[in-house]
Amino acid sequence: MKSTNLAVVAILVHQDKCLFLKRHNPPLNWCPPAGRLLEGEDPALGLLREIFEETGLKADVILPVSDCRANAASVPRSFDHYHKFKGRSIG
């Protein structure tokens, strides 16, 4: 499936702690699980797919946090739009 310029970002909470991953591509910093949606993919389902692909964890989406247009200064990759969700690890 073709990816889009839409992205999802997970604020993944477990026992009052948030999960951040060390990026392997520039910029080399810590960030929450995130990635591009596939064409026609529901943002919440795409988020669960990205969390599992990047961490091997299964998760639940608790609630949408924000739905934003991205700009080059705030997002490392060129996303047009991104959806941010709060979630929790379930295993």
N, C-alpha and C. Protein backbone atom coordinates (compact mmCIF):
# COMPACT_ATOMS: atom_id res chain seq x y z
N MET A 1 0.82 -1.18 0.00
CA MET A 1 0.00 0.00 0.00
C MET A 1 0.87 1.25 0.00
N LYS A 2 0.37 2.29 -0.61
CA LYS A 2 1.11 3.54 -0.70
C LYS A 2 0.97 4.36 0.58
N SER A 3 2.08 4.94 1.07
CA SER A 3 2.00 5.80 2.25
C SER A 3 1.58 7.21 1.83
N THR A 4 1.13 7.98 2.79
CA THR A 4 0.62 9.33 2.53
C THR A 4 1.50 10.36 3.23
N ASN A 5 1.13 11.62 3.14
CA ASN A 5 1.80 12.68 3.89
C ASN A 5 1.07 12.97 5.19
N LEU A 6 0.28 12.00 5.66
CA LEU A 6 -0.38 12.09 6.95
C LEU A 6 0.38 11.23 7.93
N ALA A 7 0.54 11.70 9.15
CA ALA A 7 1.30 10.95 10.15
C ALA A 7 0.50 10.81 11.43
N VAL A 8 0.90 9.83 12.23
CA VAL A 8 0.32 9.61 13.55
C VAL A 8 1.46 9.61 14.57
N VAL A 9 1.16 10.10 15.77
CA VAL A 9 2.13 10.15 16.86
C VAL A 9 1.45 9.58 18.10
N ALA A 10 2.14 8.70 18.83
CA ALA A 10 1.57 8.06 20.02
C ALA A 10 2.19 8.63 21.28
N ILE A 11 1.36 9.10 22.18
CA ILE A 11 1.79 9.40 23.54
C ILE A 11 1.40 8.15 24.33
N LEU A 12 2.32 7.21 24.42
CA LEU A 12 2.04 5.90 24.98
C LEU A 12 2.40 5.88 26.46
N VAL A 13 1.38 5.66 27.31
CA VAL A 13 1.54 5.75 28.76
C VAL A 13 1.39 4.37 29.38
N HIS A 14 2.32 4.04 30.30
CA HIS A 14 2.26 2.80 31.06
C HIS A 14 2.78 3.10 32.46
N GLN A 15 1.98 2.86 33.47
CA GLN A 15 2.34 3.12 34.87
C GLN A 15 2.88 4.54 35.04
N ASP A 16 2.14 5.51 34.51
CA ASP A 16 2.47 6.94 34.61
C ASP A 16 3.80 7.32 33.96
N LYS A 17 4.29 6.52 33.02
CA LYS A 17 5.51 6.83 32.28
C LYS A 17 5.19 6.82 30.80
N CYS A 18 5.87 7.70 30.04
CA CYS A 18 5.69 7.79 28.59
C CYS A 18 6.85 7.10 27.88
N LEU A 19 6.53 6.42 26.78
CA LEU A 19 7.54 5.72 25.99
C LEU A 19 8.13 6.64 24.93
N PHE A 20 9.46 6.73 24.90
CA PHE A 20 10.18 7.44 23.84
C PHE A 20 11.18 6.48 23.24
N LEU A 21 11.41 6.61 21.93
CA LEU A 21 12.34 5.74 21.21
C LEU A 21 13.52 6.55 20.72
N LYS A 22 14.69 5.96 20.71
CA LYS A 22 15.90 6.62 20.17
C LYS A 22 15.86 6.48 18.65
N ARG A 23 15.85 7.60 17.96
CA ARG A 23 15.81 7.59 16.49
C ARG A 23 17.14 7.11 15.93
N HIS A 24 17.07 6.37 14.83
CA HIS A 24 18.28 5.89 14.14
C HIS A 24 18.59 6.71 12.90
N ASN A 25 17.68 7.62 12.54
CA ASN A 25 17.89 8.51 11.40
C ASN A 25 17.89 9.95 11.91
N PRO A 26 18.62 10.84 11.23
CA PRO A 26 18.65 12.24 11.66
C PRO A 26 17.24 12.85 11.69
N PRO A 27 16.97 13.69 12.65
CA PRO A 27 17.82 14.05 13.78
C PRO A 27 17.85 12.92 14.82
N LEU A 28 19.02 12.63 15.34
CA LEU A 28 19.20 11.53 16.29
C LEU A 28 18.78 11.97 17.69
N ASN A 29 17.49 11.91 17.94
CA ASN A 29 16.97 12.32 19.24
C ASN A 29 15.96 11.28 19.73
N TRP A 30 15.32 11.56 20.83
CA TRP A 30 14.30 10.68 21.39
C TRP A 30 12.94 11.19 20.95
N CYS A 31 12.05 10.28 20.58
CA CYS A 31 10.72 10.70 20.13
C CYS A 31 9.71 9.59 20.44
N PRO A 32 8.43 9.95 20.48
CA PRO A 32 7.40 8.92 20.69
C PRO A 32 7.24 8.10 19.41
N PRO A 33 6.64 6.91 19.50
CA PRO A 33 6.37 6.13 18.29
C PRO A 33 5.50 6.95 17.33
N ALA A 34 5.86 6.91 16.06
CA ALA A 34 5.15 7.71 15.06
C ALA A 34 5.43 7.14 13.67
N GLY A 35 4.64 7.56 12.72
CA GLY A 35 4.89 7.16 11.35
C GLY A 35 3.80 7.59 10.41
N ARG A 36 4.00 7.32 9.14
CA ARG A 36 3.05 7.70 8.10
C ARG A 36 1.88 6.73 8.02
N LEU A 37 0.73 7.29 7.73
CA LEU A 37 -0.45 6.45 7.48
C LEU A 37 -0.38 5.89 6.07
N LEU A 38 -0.95 4.73 5.88
CA LEU A 38 -1.10 4.15 4.55
C LEU A 38 -2.34 4.77 3.91
N GLU A 39 -2.38 4.77 2.61
CA GLU A 39 -3.50 5.36 1.89
C GLU A 39 -4.82 4.72 2.35
N GLY A 40 -5.78 5.56 2.77
CA GLY A 40 -7.09 5.11 3.21
C GLY A 40 -7.14 4.53 4.62
N GLU A 41 -6.02 4.54 5.33
CA GLU A 41 -5.95 3.93 6.66
C GLU A 41 -6.56 4.84 7.73
N ASP A 42 -7.33 4.27 8.63
CA ASP A 42 -7.88 4.99 9.75
C ASP A 42 -6.74 5.42 10.67
N PRO A 43 -6.69 6.70 11.11
CA PRO A 43 -5.57 7.15 11.95
C PRO A 43 -5.35 6.32 13.22
N ALA A 44 -6.41 5.95 13.93
CA ALA A 44 -6.24 5.17 15.17
C ALA A 44 -5.67 3.78 14.86
N LEU A 45 -6.14 3.14 13.79
CA LEU A 45 -5.61 1.82 13.42
C LEU A 45 -4.18 1.93 12.92
N GLY A 46 -3.88 2.99 12.18
CA GLY A 46 -2.51 3.21 11.72
C GLY A 46 -1.56 3.42 12.88
N LEU A 47 -2.05 4.10 13.91
CA LEU A 47 -1.23 4.32 15.10
C LEU A 47 -0.89 3.00 15.77
N LEU A 48 -1.88 2.13 15.93
CA LEU A 48 -1.63 0.82 16.55
C LEU A 48 -0.65 0.00 15.71
N ARG A 49 -0.76 0.08 14.38
CA ARG A 49 0.18 -0.61 13.50
C ARG A 49 1.59 -0.07 13.70
N GLU A 50 1.74 1.26 13.73
CA GLU A 50 3.07 1.86 13.91
C GLU A 50 3.67 1.50 15.27
N ILE A 51 2.86 1.53 16.33
CA ILE A 51 3.36 1.15 17.67
C ILE A 51 3.90 -0.27 17.63
N PHE A 52 3.13 -1.19 17.03
CA PHE A 52 3.56 -2.59 16.99
C PHE A 52 4.81 -2.75 16.11
N GLU A 53 4.86 -2.08 14.95
CA GLU A 53 6.03 -2.19 14.07
C GLU A 53 7.30 -1.68 14.75
N GLU A 54 7.18 -0.59 15.50
CA GLU A 54 8.36 0.03 16.09
C GLU A 54 8.76 -0.55 17.44
N THR A 55 7.81 -1.16 18.17
CA THR A 55 8.13 -1.61 19.53
C THR A 55 7.80 -3.08 19.79
N GLY A 56 6.93 -3.67 18.99
CA GLY A 56 6.45 -5.02 19.26
C GLY A 56 5.36 -5.06 20.32
N LEU A 57 4.94 -3.87 20.80
CA LEU A 57 3.90 -3.78 21.83
C LEU A 57 2.52 -3.68 21.20
N LYS A 58 1.55 -4.28 21.87
CA LYS A 58 0.15 -4.06 21.53
C LYS A 58 -0.34 -2.94 22.42
N ALA A 59 -1.24 -2.11 21.89
CA ALA A 59 -1.69 -0.94 22.64
C ALA A 59 -3.16 -0.67 22.38
N ASP A 60 -3.74 0.15 23.22
CA ASP A 60 -5.09 0.68 23.06
C ASP A 60 -5.00 2.17 22.86
N VAL A 61 -5.85 2.71 22.01
CA VAL A 61 -5.97 4.16 21.88
C VAL A 61 -6.96 4.62 22.93
N ILE A 62 -6.54 5.56 23.77
CA ILE A 62 -7.42 6.08 24.82
C ILE A 62 -8.22 7.27 24.30
N LEU A 63 -7.54 8.24 23.70
CA LEU A 63 -8.25 9.40 23.16
C LEU A 63 -7.37 10.19 22.21
N PRO A 64 -8.02 10.86 21.23
CA PRO A 64 -7.24 11.76 20.37
C PRO A 64 -6.80 12.98 21.18
N VAL A 65 -5.57 13.43 20.96
CA VAL A 65 -5.05 14.59 21.69
C VAL A 65 -5.09 15.83 20.81
N SER A 66 -4.63 15.71 19.56
CA SER A 66 -4.65 16.85 18.65
C SER A 66 -4.62 16.38 17.22
N ASP A 67 -5.02 17.27 16.35
CA ASP A 67 -5.07 17.03 14.92
C ASP A 67 -4.50 18.30 14.29
N CYS A 68 -3.26 18.26 13.79
CA CYS A 68 -2.54 19.48 13.43
C CYS A 68 -1.99 19.45 12.02
N ARG A 69 -1.89 20.63 11.44
CA ARG A 69 -1.09 20.78 10.22
C ARG A 69 0.35 20.91 10.66
N ALA A 70 1.21 20.20 9.98
CA ALA A 70 2.64 20.22 10.35
C ALA A 70 3.34 21.35 9.61
N ASN A 71 4.46 21.78 10.20
CA ASN A 71 5.35 22.70 9.48
C ASN A 71 6.77 22.17 9.62
N ALA A 72 7.62 22.56 8.72
CA ALA A 72 8.98 22.01 8.65
C ALA A 72 9.76 22.24 9.94
N ALA A 73 9.48 23.31 10.67
CA ALA A 73 10.25 23.61 11.88
C ALA A 73 9.88 22.69 13.03
N SER A 74 8.66 22.14 13.04
CA SER A 74 8.22 21.37 14.20
C SER A 74 8.25 19.86 13.99
N VAL A 75 8.41 19.40 12.76
CA VAL A 75 8.34 17.98 12.46
C VAL A 75 9.59 17.59 11.67
N PRO A 76 10.30 16.52 12.09
CA PRO A 76 11.54 16.15 11.42
C PRO A 76 11.37 15.74 9.96
N ARG A 77 10.24 15.16 9.61
CA ARG A 77 9.99 14.78 8.22
C ARG A 77 8.89 15.67 7.66
N SER A 78 8.73 15.66 6.36
CA SER A 78 7.76 16.55 5.74
C SER A 78 6.36 15.94 5.71
N PHE A 79 5.67 16.03 6.83
CA PHE A 79 4.28 15.61 6.90
C PHE A 79 3.41 16.83 6.64
N ASP A 80 2.31 16.62 5.95
CA ASP A 80 1.36 17.71 5.74
C ASP A 80 0.46 17.89 6.96
N HIS A 81 0.17 16.78 7.61
CA HIS A 81 -0.83 16.78 8.67
C HIS A 81 -0.50 15.63 9.62
N TYR A 82 -0.73 15.79 10.89
CA TYR A 82 -0.54 14.66 11.78
C TYR A 82 -1.60 14.61 12.87
N HIS A 83 -1.86 13.39 13.32
CA HIS A 83 -2.83 13.11 14.38
C HIS A 83 -2.05 12.61 15.59
N LYS A 84 -2.32 13.18 16.76
CA LYS A 84 -1.64 12.76 17.98
C LYS A 84 -2.68 12.12 18.89
N PHE A 85 -2.31 10.93 19.45
CA PHE A 85 -3.21 10.16 20.31
C PHE A 85 -2.54 9.82 21.62
N LYS A 86 -3.33 9.71 22.67
CA LYS A 86 -2.85 9.13 23.93
C LYS A 86 -3.26 7.66 23.91
N GLY A 87 -2.34 6.80 24.31
CA GLY A 87 -2.62 5.37 24.32
C GLY A 87 -2.02 4.71 25.54
N ARG A 88 -2.28 3.41 25.67
CA ARG A 88 -1.67 2.66 26.77
C ARG A 88 -1.24 1.31 26.26
N SER A 89 -0.15 0.82 26.79
CA SER A 89 0.38 -0.48 26.43
C SER A 89 -0.48 -1.57 27.05
N ILE A 90 -0.78 -2.62 26.26
CA ILE A 90 -1.55 -3.74 26.81
C ILE A 90 -0.77 -5.04 26.69
N GLY A 91 0.50 -4.96 26.31
CA GLY A 91 1.32 -6.16 26.25
C GLY A 91 2.31 -6.18 25.15
